[in-house]
Amino acid sequence: MTELIVVVGAAVLSDGRLLAARRSAPVELAGRWELPGGKVEPGESPERALVRELREELGVEAELVGRVPGEYALRSPHVLRVWTVRLLPGSPEPLALQDHDELRWLTADELWHVDWLDQDVPAVAEVARVVWGVTYSGAPPPNPRSLNAGRAVG
């Protein structure tokens, strides 16, 4: 049996908004949006990995608030686990430093105005339920494109 590889995602929250990051690479994912994060390294806890990834990708200092229920299948053997996160006092504003070319703060009403990676959609819907109490009967509103691209795991 193949061992799962955990990818951590951050639902970075500030002033009632969620941070979305637009992929710049690889080419098949460029232009689509995701929750920032990345792979857990060997010997690293998911929590430490997420703090490290946010520092590397966005240049921020953050702390995890709570785990978002669920585990979301990515390309096998990868799974996505998501935490709500807040920026620490004195942390700089997030910047698109690695793997992203744009960041956007979204309110609950704007959440589906970006083209989320397919595998992030259920995680984003769960974040909306946990954070704002917004639930969707059936699937959330569709992404603007209906590509079947996977989430980057690098």
N, C-alpha and C. Protein backbone atom coordinates (compact mmCIF):
# COMPACT_ATOMS: atom_id res chain seq x y z
N MET A 1 0.84 -1.19 0.00
CA MET A 1 0.00 0.00 0.00
C MET A 1 0.88 1.25 0.00
N THR A 2 0.54 2.21 -0.82
CA THR A 2 1.30 3.45 -0.94
C THR A 2 0.98 4.35 0.25
N GLU A 3 2.03 4.91 0.83
CA GLU A 3 1.85 5.82 1.96
C GLU A 3 1.35 7.17 1.46
N LEU A 4 0.39 7.74 2.20
CA LEU A 4 -0.15 9.03 1.82
C LEU A 4 0.91 10.12 1.97
N ILE A 5 0.87 11.07 1.06
CA ILE A 5 1.70 12.26 1.14
C ILE A 5 0.75 13.42 1.45
N VAL A 6 1.00 14.07 2.58
CA VAL A 6 0.10 15.13 3.03
C VAL A 6 0.54 16.47 2.44
N VAL A 7 -0.43 17.16 1.86
CA VAL A 7 -0.27 18.52 1.37
C VAL A 7 -1.14 19.38 2.28
N VAL A 8 -0.56 20.47 2.79
CA VAL A 8 -1.30 21.32 3.71
C VAL A 8 -1.74 22.60 2.99
N GLY A 9 -2.94 23.04 3.31
CA GLY A 9 -3.49 24.26 2.73
C GLY A 9 -3.92 25.21 3.82
N ALA A 10 -3.80 26.49 3.54
CA ALA A 10 -4.13 27.52 4.52
C ALA A 10 -5.34 28.33 4.08
N ALA A 11 -6.34 28.37 4.93
CA ALA A 11 -7.44 29.29 4.77
C ALA A 11 -7.05 30.52 5.59
N VAL A 12 -6.25 31.41 4.97
CA VAL A 12 -5.76 32.61 5.66
C VAL A 12 -6.92 33.60 5.72
N LEU A 13 -7.27 34.00 6.93
CA LEU A 13 -8.42 34.85 7.15
C LEU A 13 -7.99 36.19 7.74
N SER A 14 -8.61 37.26 7.26
CA SER A 14 -8.35 38.59 7.79
C SER A 14 -9.56 39.47 7.49
N ASP A 15 -10.07 40.14 8.51
CA ASP A 15 -11.19 41.07 8.34
C ASP A 15 -12.36 40.45 7.58
N GLY A 16 -12.68 39.19 7.89
CA GLY A 16 -13.82 38.53 7.26
C GLY A 16 -13.58 38.11 5.83
N ARG A 17 -12.32 38.06 5.40
CA ARG A 17 -11.99 37.69 4.02
C ARG A 17 -11.03 36.50 4.02
N LEU A 18 -11.06 35.76 2.91
CA LEU A 18 -10.20 34.59 2.70
C LEU A 18 -9.18 34.91 1.61
N LEU A 19 -7.92 34.52 1.84
CA LEU A 19 -6.88 34.77 0.85
C LEU A 19 -6.85 33.65 -0.18
N ALA A 20 -6.91 34.03 -1.45
CA ALA A 20 -6.79 33.09 -2.57
C ALA A 20 -5.52 33.44 -3.32
N ALA A 21 -4.84 32.40 -3.83
CA ALA A 21 -3.58 32.58 -4.54
C ALA A 21 -3.69 31.99 -5.94
N ARG A 22 -3.31 32.78 -6.96
CA ARG A 22 -3.39 32.30 -8.35
C ARG A 22 -2.06 31.67 -8.76
N ARG A 23 -2.14 30.43 -9.23
CA ARG A 23 -0.95 29.69 -9.64
C ARG A 23 -0.29 30.34 -10.86
N SER A 24 1.04 30.37 -10.84
CA SER A 24 1.80 30.82 -12.00
C SER A 24 2.49 29.64 -12.69
N ALA A 25 2.57 28.52 -12.00
CA ALA A 25 3.22 27.31 -12.54
C ALA A 25 2.68 26.10 -11.79
N PRO A 26 2.76 24.94 -12.36
CA PRO A 26 3.17 24.61 -13.73
C PRO A 26 2.13 25.11 -14.73
N VAL A 27 2.50 25.06 -15.98
CA VAL A 27 1.68 25.64 -17.04
C VAL A 27 0.24 25.12 -17.03
N GLU A 28 0.04 23.83 -16.72
CA GLU A 28 -1.33 23.28 -16.75
C GLU A 28 -2.20 23.81 -15.61
N LEU A 29 -1.59 24.43 -14.60
CA LEU A 29 -2.37 24.99 -13.49
C LEU A 29 -2.34 26.51 -13.46
N ALA A 30 -1.50 27.10 -14.27
CA ALA A 30 -1.34 28.56 -14.26
C ALA A 30 -2.68 29.24 -14.53
N GLY A 31 -2.94 30.27 -13.74
CA GLY A 31 -4.17 31.04 -13.89
C GLY A 31 -5.32 30.57 -13.03
N ARG A 32 -5.17 29.41 -12.39
CA ARG A 32 -6.23 28.91 -11.50
C ARG A 32 -5.86 29.22 -10.06
N TRP A 33 -6.85 29.21 -9.20
CA TRP A 33 -6.68 29.68 -7.82
C TRP A 33 -6.67 28.52 -6.84
N GLU A 34 -5.96 28.73 -5.72
CA GLU A 34 -5.84 27.72 -4.69
C GLU A 34 -5.68 28.36 -3.33
N LEU A 35 -5.82 27.52 -2.31
CA LEU A 35 -5.42 27.91 -0.96
C LEU A 35 -3.91 27.73 -0.90
N PRO A 36 -3.15 28.71 -0.40
CA PRO A 36 -1.71 28.55 -0.35
C PRO A 36 -1.30 27.41 0.58
N GLY A 37 -0.13 26.85 0.34
CA GLY A 37 0.38 25.76 1.16
C GLY A 37 1.36 24.92 0.38
N GLY A 38 1.56 23.68 0.83
CA GLY A 38 2.49 22.82 0.13
C GLY A 38 2.68 21.50 0.85
N LYS A 39 3.68 20.74 0.40
CA LYS A 39 3.92 19.40 0.93
C LYS A 39 4.59 19.43 2.30
N VAL A 40 4.21 18.45 3.11
CA VAL A 40 4.86 18.22 4.39
C VAL A 40 6.15 17.45 4.11
N GLU A 41 7.26 17.95 4.62
CA GLU A 41 8.56 17.30 4.43
C GLU A 41 8.71 16.15 5.42
N PRO A 42 9.54 15.15 5.11
CA PRO A 42 9.77 14.04 6.04
C PRO A 42 10.24 14.56 7.41
N GLY A 43 9.63 14.04 8.46
CA GLY A 43 9.97 14.44 9.83
C GLY A 43 9.34 15.74 10.29
N GLU A 44 8.52 16.35 9.46
CA GLU A 44 7.90 17.63 9.76
C GLU A 44 6.42 17.41 10.07
N SER A 45 5.89 18.10 11.06
CA SER A 45 4.46 17.99 11.33
C SER A 45 3.71 18.83 10.30
N PRO A 46 2.45 18.47 10.02
CA PRO A 46 1.66 19.29 9.07
C PRO A 46 1.57 20.75 9.52
N GLU A 47 1.43 20.96 10.81
CA GLU A 47 1.30 22.33 11.33
C GLU A 47 2.57 23.15 11.06
N ARG A 48 3.72 22.55 11.34
CA ARG A 48 5.00 23.25 11.09
C ARG A 48 5.19 23.48 9.58
N ALA A 49 4.81 22.49 8.79
CA ALA A 49 4.94 22.62 7.35
C ALA A 49 4.12 23.80 6.83
N LEU A 50 2.92 23.97 7.35
CA LEU A 50 2.06 25.05 6.86
C LEU A 50 2.64 26.41 7.23
N VAL A 51 3.13 26.56 8.44
CA VAL A 51 3.76 27.82 8.85
C VAL A 51 4.97 28.10 7.95
N ARG A 52 5.79 27.08 7.70
CA ARG A 52 6.96 27.22 6.82
C ARG A 52 6.55 27.61 5.40
N GLU A 53 5.57 26.90 4.85
CA GLU A 53 5.11 27.18 3.49
C GLU A 53 4.60 28.61 3.35
N LEU A 54 3.86 29.09 4.34
CA LEU A 54 3.33 30.46 4.27
C LEU A 54 4.46 31.48 4.34
N ARG A 55 5.48 31.20 5.11
CA ARG A 55 6.66 32.08 5.18
C ARG A 55 7.37 32.10 3.82
N GLU A 56 7.56 30.91 3.23
CA GLU A 56 8.26 30.82 1.95
C GLU A 56 7.45 31.37 0.79
N GLU A 57 6.18 31.03 0.70
CA GLU A 57 5.35 31.40 -0.44
C GLU A 57 4.83 32.83 -0.39
N LEU A 58 4.53 33.31 0.83
CA LEU A 58 3.85 34.60 0.96
C LEU A 58 4.62 35.63 1.78
N GLY A 59 5.71 35.20 2.45
CA GLY A 59 6.50 36.11 3.27
C GLY A 59 5.82 36.56 4.54
N VAL A 60 4.90 35.74 5.07
CA VAL A 60 4.14 36.12 6.25
C VAL A 60 4.48 35.24 7.45
N GLU A 61 4.19 35.76 8.61
CA GLU A 61 4.26 34.99 9.85
C GLU A 61 2.82 34.75 10.27
N ALA A 62 2.49 33.49 10.49
CA ALA A 62 1.09 33.13 10.74
C ALA A 62 1.01 32.08 11.82
N GLU A 63 -0.19 31.96 12.37
CA GLU A 63 -0.45 30.88 13.31
C GLU A 63 -1.73 30.17 12.90
N LEU A 64 -1.74 28.86 13.14
CA LEU A 64 -2.90 28.06 12.81
C LEU A 64 -3.96 28.26 13.90
N VAL A 65 -5.20 28.41 13.47
CA VAL A 65 -6.32 28.59 14.39
C VAL A 65 -7.03 27.27 14.62
N GLY A 66 -7.36 26.56 13.55
CA GLY A 66 -8.07 25.29 13.69
C GLY A 66 -8.06 24.50 12.40
N ARG A 67 -8.23 23.22 12.54
CA ARG A 67 -8.27 22.31 11.38
C ARG A 67 -9.66 22.35 10.77
N VAL A 68 -9.72 22.48 9.47
CA VAL A 68 -10.98 22.42 8.73
C VAL A 68 -11.32 20.94 8.57
N PRO A 69 -12.53 20.53 8.91
CA PRO A 69 -12.88 19.11 8.79
C PRO A 69 -12.70 18.59 7.37
N GLY A 70 -12.26 17.35 7.30
CA GLY A 70 -12.14 16.68 6.02
C GLY A 70 -10.71 16.50 5.57
N GLU A 71 -10.58 15.63 4.61
CA GLU A 71 -9.32 15.36 3.93
C GLU A 71 -9.69 15.24 2.46
N TYR A 72 -8.97 15.94 1.60
CA TYR A 72 -9.39 16.09 0.21
C TYR A 72 -8.40 15.40 -0.71
N ALA A 73 -8.90 14.51 -1.54
CA ALA A 73 -8.06 13.72 -2.44
C ALA A 73 -7.47 14.62 -3.52
N LEU A 74 -6.17 14.48 -3.70
CA LEU A 74 -5.45 15.11 -4.80
C LEU A 74 -5.00 13.99 -5.71
N ARG A 75 -3.99 14.22 -6.52
CA ARG A 75 -3.44 13.12 -7.31
C ARG A 75 -2.82 12.11 -6.36
N SER A 76 -3.18 10.86 -6.52
CA SER A 76 -2.70 9.80 -5.64
C SER A 76 -1.18 9.77 -5.67
N PRO A 77 -0.57 9.66 -4.51
CA PRO A 77 -1.06 9.35 -3.17
C PRO A 77 -1.21 10.59 -2.28
N HIS A 78 -1.40 11.78 -2.86
CA HIS A 78 -1.47 13.03 -2.12
C HIS A 78 -2.88 13.30 -1.59
N VAL A 79 -2.94 13.85 -0.38
CA VAL A 79 -4.19 14.31 0.20
C VAL A 79 -3.98 15.72 0.75
N LEU A 80 -5.02 16.53 0.70
CA LEU A 80 -4.99 17.90 1.18
C LEU A 80 -5.69 17.98 2.53
N ARG A 81 -5.00 18.59 3.48
CA ARG A 81 -5.58 18.92 4.79
C ARG A 81 -5.47 20.43 4.95
N VAL A 82 -6.54 21.05 5.46
CA VAL A 82 -6.63 22.51 5.50
C VAL A 82 -6.82 22.98 6.94
N TRP A 83 -6.18 24.11 7.25
CA TRP A 83 -6.33 24.78 8.54
C TRP A 83 -6.75 26.21 8.30
N THR A 84 -7.55 26.76 9.22
CA THR A 84 -7.77 28.20 9.22
C THR A 84 -6.53 28.81 9.88
N VAL A 85 -6.15 29.98 9.38
CA VAL A 85 -4.90 30.61 9.76
C VAL A 85 -5.13 32.10 9.91
N ARG A 86 -4.42 32.69 10.87
CA ARG A 86 -4.43 34.15 10.97
C ARG A 86 -3.00 34.65 10.93
N LEU A 87 -2.84 35.85 10.39
CA LEU A 87 -1.53 36.48 10.36
C LEU A 87 -1.20 37.00 11.75
N LEU A 88 0.04 36.85 12.16
CA LEU A 88 0.47 37.33 13.47
C LEU A 88 0.60 38.85 13.44
N PRO A 89 0.36 39.50 14.58
CA PRO A 89 0.56 40.96 14.63
C PRO A 89 1.99 41.30 14.18
N GLY A 90 2.11 42.31 13.36
CA GLY A 90 3.41 42.71 12.85
C GLY A 90 3.85 41.98 11.59
N SER A 91 3.11 40.96 11.18
CA SER A 91 3.45 40.25 9.95
C SER A 91 3.24 41.17 8.76
N PRO A 92 4.12 41.10 7.78
CA PRO A 92 3.85 41.90 6.57
C PRO A 92 2.63 41.36 5.84
N GLU A 93 2.11 42.17 4.93
CA GLU A 93 1.02 41.72 4.08
C GLU A 93 1.54 40.61 3.16
N PRO A 94 0.69 39.65 2.83
CA PRO A 94 1.12 38.57 1.94
C PRO A 94 1.55 39.09 0.57
N LEU A 95 2.60 38.47 0.04
CA LEU A 95 3.09 38.78 -1.30
C LEU A 95 3.18 37.48 -2.09
N ALA A 96 2.98 37.58 -3.39
CA ALA A 96 3.09 36.40 -4.26
C ALA A 96 4.58 36.18 -4.56
N LEU A 97 5.26 35.44 -3.68
CA LEU A 97 6.71 35.25 -3.81
C LEU A 97 7.08 34.00 -4.60
N GLN A 98 6.36 32.91 -4.42
CA GLN A 98 6.68 31.65 -5.08
C GLN A 98 5.40 31.01 -5.60
N ASP A 99 5.44 30.49 -6.80
CA ASP A 99 4.36 29.67 -7.37
C ASP A 99 3.07 30.43 -7.67
N HIS A 100 3.01 31.71 -7.33
CA HIS A 100 1.78 32.49 -7.55
C HIS A 100 2.13 33.81 -8.22
N ASP A 101 1.18 34.34 -9.00
CA ASP A 101 1.40 35.64 -9.62
C ASP A 101 0.39 36.69 -9.17
N GLU A 102 -0.59 36.26 -8.36
CA GLU A 102 -1.57 37.21 -7.84
C GLU A 102 -2.19 36.63 -6.58
N LEU A 103 -2.49 37.52 -5.65
CA LEU A 103 -3.23 37.17 -4.44
C LEU A 103 -4.48 38.02 -4.41
N ARG A 104 -5.53 37.47 -3.83
CA ARG A 104 -6.79 38.22 -3.75
C ARG A 104 -7.49 37.86 -2.44
N TRP A 105 -7.96 38.89 -1.73
CA TRP A 105 -8.78 38.67 -0.53
C TRP A 105 -10.24 38.61 -0.97
N LEU A 106 -10.94 37.54 -0.61
CA LEU A 106 -12.31 37.32 -1.04
C LEU A 106 -13.27 37.30 0.14
N THR A 107 -14.40 37.98 -0.01
CA THR A 107 -15.47 37.88 0.97
C THR A 107 -16.29 36.64 0.64
N ALA A 108 -17.23 36.30 1.51
CA ALA A 108 -18.10 35.15 1.26
C ALA A 108 -18.85 35.33 -0.06
N ASP A 109 -19.25 36.54 -0.38
CA ASP A 109 -19.98 36.80 -1.63
C ASP A 109 -19.10 36.69 -2.87
N GLU A 110 -17.80 36.86 -2.69
CA GLU A 110 -16.88 36.84 -3.83
C GLU A 110 -16.19 35.49 -4.01
N LEU A 111 -16.45 34.57 -3.11
CA LEU A 111 -15.70 33.32 -3.05
C LEU A 111 -15.65 32.56 -4.37
N TRP A 112 -16.72 32.57 -5.12
CA TRP A 112 -16.78 31.79 -6.36
C TRP A 112 -16.55 32.64 -7.60
N HIS A 113 -15.97 33.85 -7.41
CA HIS A 113 -15.63 34.71 -8.54
C HIS A 113 -14.27 34.37 -9.13
N VAL A 114 -13.56 33.42 -8.51
CA VAL A 114 -12.27 32.99 -9.06
C VAL A 114 -12.37 31.54 -9.49
N ASP A 115 -11.47 31.14 -10.36
CA ASP A 115 -11.44 29.80 -10.94
C ASP A 115 -10.57 28.89 -10.07
N TRP A 116 -11.16 28.32 -9.02
CA TRP A 116 -10.44 27.45 -8.10
C TRP A 116 -10.00 26.17 -8.81
N LEU A 117 -8.85 25.65 -8.39
CA LEU A 117 -8.46 24.32 -8.85
C LEU A 117 -9.55 23.35 -8.43
N ASP A 118 -9.86 22.40 -9.29
CA ASP A 118 -10.96 21.48 -9.03
C ASP A 118 -10.87 20.82 -7.66
N GLN A 119 -9.66 20.38 -7.30
CA GLN A 119 -9.50 19.67 -6.03
C GLN A 119 -9.60 20.59 -4.82
N ASP A 120 -9.49 21.89 -5.01
CA ASP A 120 -9.65 22.83 -3.90
C ASP A 120 -11.11 23.19 -3.65
N VAL A 121 -11.97 22.98 -4.63
CA VAL A 121 -13.37 23.39 -4.50
C VAL A 121 -14.05 22.81 -3.25
N PRO A 122 -13.96 21.49 -2.96
CA PRO A 122 -14.62 21.00 -1.75
C PRO A 122 -14.01 21.56 -0.48
N ALA A 123 -12.71 21.79 -0.46
CA ALA A 123 -12.07 22.37 0.72
C ALA A 123 -12.53 23.81 0.92
N VAL A 124 -12.62 24.58 -0.16
CA VAL A 124 -13.08 25.97 -0.07
C VAL A 124 -14.55 26.01 0.39
N ALA A 125 -15.36 25.10 -0.11
CA ALA A 125 -16.76 25.04 0.33
C ALA A 125 -16.85 24.72 1.81
N GLU A 126 -15.98 23.84 2.31
CA GLU A 126 -15.98 23.51 3.74
C GLU A 126 -15.49 24.70 4.56
N VAL A 127 -14.50 25.42 4.06
CA VAL A 127 -14.05 26.64 4.75
C VAL A 127 -15.20 27.63 4.85
N ALA A 128 -15.95 27.81 3.77
CA ALA A 128 -17.09 28.73 3.79
C ALA A 128 -18.11 28.31 4.83
N ARG A 129 -18.34 27.00 4.95
CA ARG A 129 -19.29 26.50 5.95
C ARG A 129 -18.78 26.78 7.36
N VAL A 130 -17.51 26.47 7.61
CA VAL A 130 -16.94 26.62 8.95
C VAL A 130 -16.81 28.09 9.34
N VAL A 131 -16.34 28.91 8.43
CA VAL A 131 -16.02 30.31 8.75
C VAL A 131 -17.25 31.20 8.70
N TRP A 132 -18.05 31.07 7.64
CA TRP A 132 -19.17 31.99 7.43
C TRP A 132 -20.53 31.34 7.62
N GLY A 133 -20.58 30.04 7.85
CA GLY A 133 -21.86 29.36 7.98
C GLY A 133 -22.60 29.25 6.67
N VAL A 134 -21.89 29.39 5.55
CA VAL A 134 -22.49 29.33 4.22
C VAL A 134 -22.41 27.90 3.73
N THR A 135 -23.55 27.33 3.40
CA THR A 135 -23.55 25.97 2.85
C THR A 135 -24.17 26.02 1.46
N TYR A 136 -23.83 25.01 0.68
CA TYR A 136 -24.31 24.92 -0.69
C TYR A 136 -25.10 23.65 -0.84
N SER A 137 -26.31 23.75 -1.37
CA SER A 137 -27.07 22.54 -1.64
C SER A 137 -26.51 21.96 -2.94
N GLY A 138 -26.01 20.76 -2.85
CA GLY A 138 -25.31 20.19 -4.00
C GLY A 138 -23.91 20.76 -4.06
N ALA A 139 -23.43 21.00 -5.24
CA ALA A 139 -22.08 21.52 -5.42
C ALA A 139 -22.09 23.04 -5.32
N PRO A 140 -20.95 23.64 -4.94
CA PRO A 140 -20.84 25.09 -4.98
C PRO A 140 -21.00 25.58 -6.42
N PRO A 141 -21.19 26.87 -6.61
CA PRO A 141 -21.27 27.38 -7.98
C PRO A 141 -20.07 26.90 -8.79
N PRO A 142 -20.26 26.59 -10.05
CA PRO A 142 -19.15 26.04 -10.85
C PRO A 142 -18.05 27.06 -11.07
N ASN A 143 -16.85 26.52 -11.27
CA ASN A 143 -15.73 27.37 -11.65
C ASN A 143 -16.00 27.91 -13.05
N PRO A 144 -15.42 29.06 -13.40
CA PRO A 144 -15.63 29.61 -14.74
C PRO A 144 -15.17 28.67 -15.85
N ARG A 145 -14.13 27.87 -15.58
CA ARG A 145 -13.67 26.89 -16.57
C ARG A 145 -13.95 25.50 -16.03
N SER A 146 -14.13 24.56 -16.90
CA SER A 146 -14.38 23.20 -16.43
C SER A 146 -13.22 22.29 -16.81
N LEU A 147 -12.01 22.76 -16.49
CA LEU A 147 -10.83 21.94 -16.74
C LEU A 147 -10.73 20.88 -15.67
N ASN A 148 -10.17 19.76 -16.02
CA ASN A 148 -9.99 18.68 -15.04
C ASN A 148 -8.52 18.61 -14.66
N ALA A 149 -7.97 19.76 -14.25
CA ALA A 149 -6.55 19.81 -13.88
C ALA A 149 -6.40 19.49 -12.40
N GLY A 150 -5.31 18.87 -12.06
CA GLY A 150 -5.02 18.52 -10.68
C GLY A 150 -4.40 19.68 -9.94
N ARG A 151 -4.33 19.55 -8.63
CA ARG A 151 -3.70 20.57 -7.79
C ARG A 151 -2.21 20.32 -7.78
N ALA A 152 -1.46 21.38 -7.80
CA ALA A 152 -0.01 21.24 -7.72
C ALA A 152 0.35 20.70 -6.35
N VAL A 153 1.33 19.85 -6.32
CA VAL A 153 1.73 19.26 -5.05
C VAL A 153 3.19 19.54 -4.75
N GLY A 154 3.80 20.40 -5.48
CA GLY A 154 5.20 20.73 -5.27
C GLY A 154 5.40 21.99 -4.50
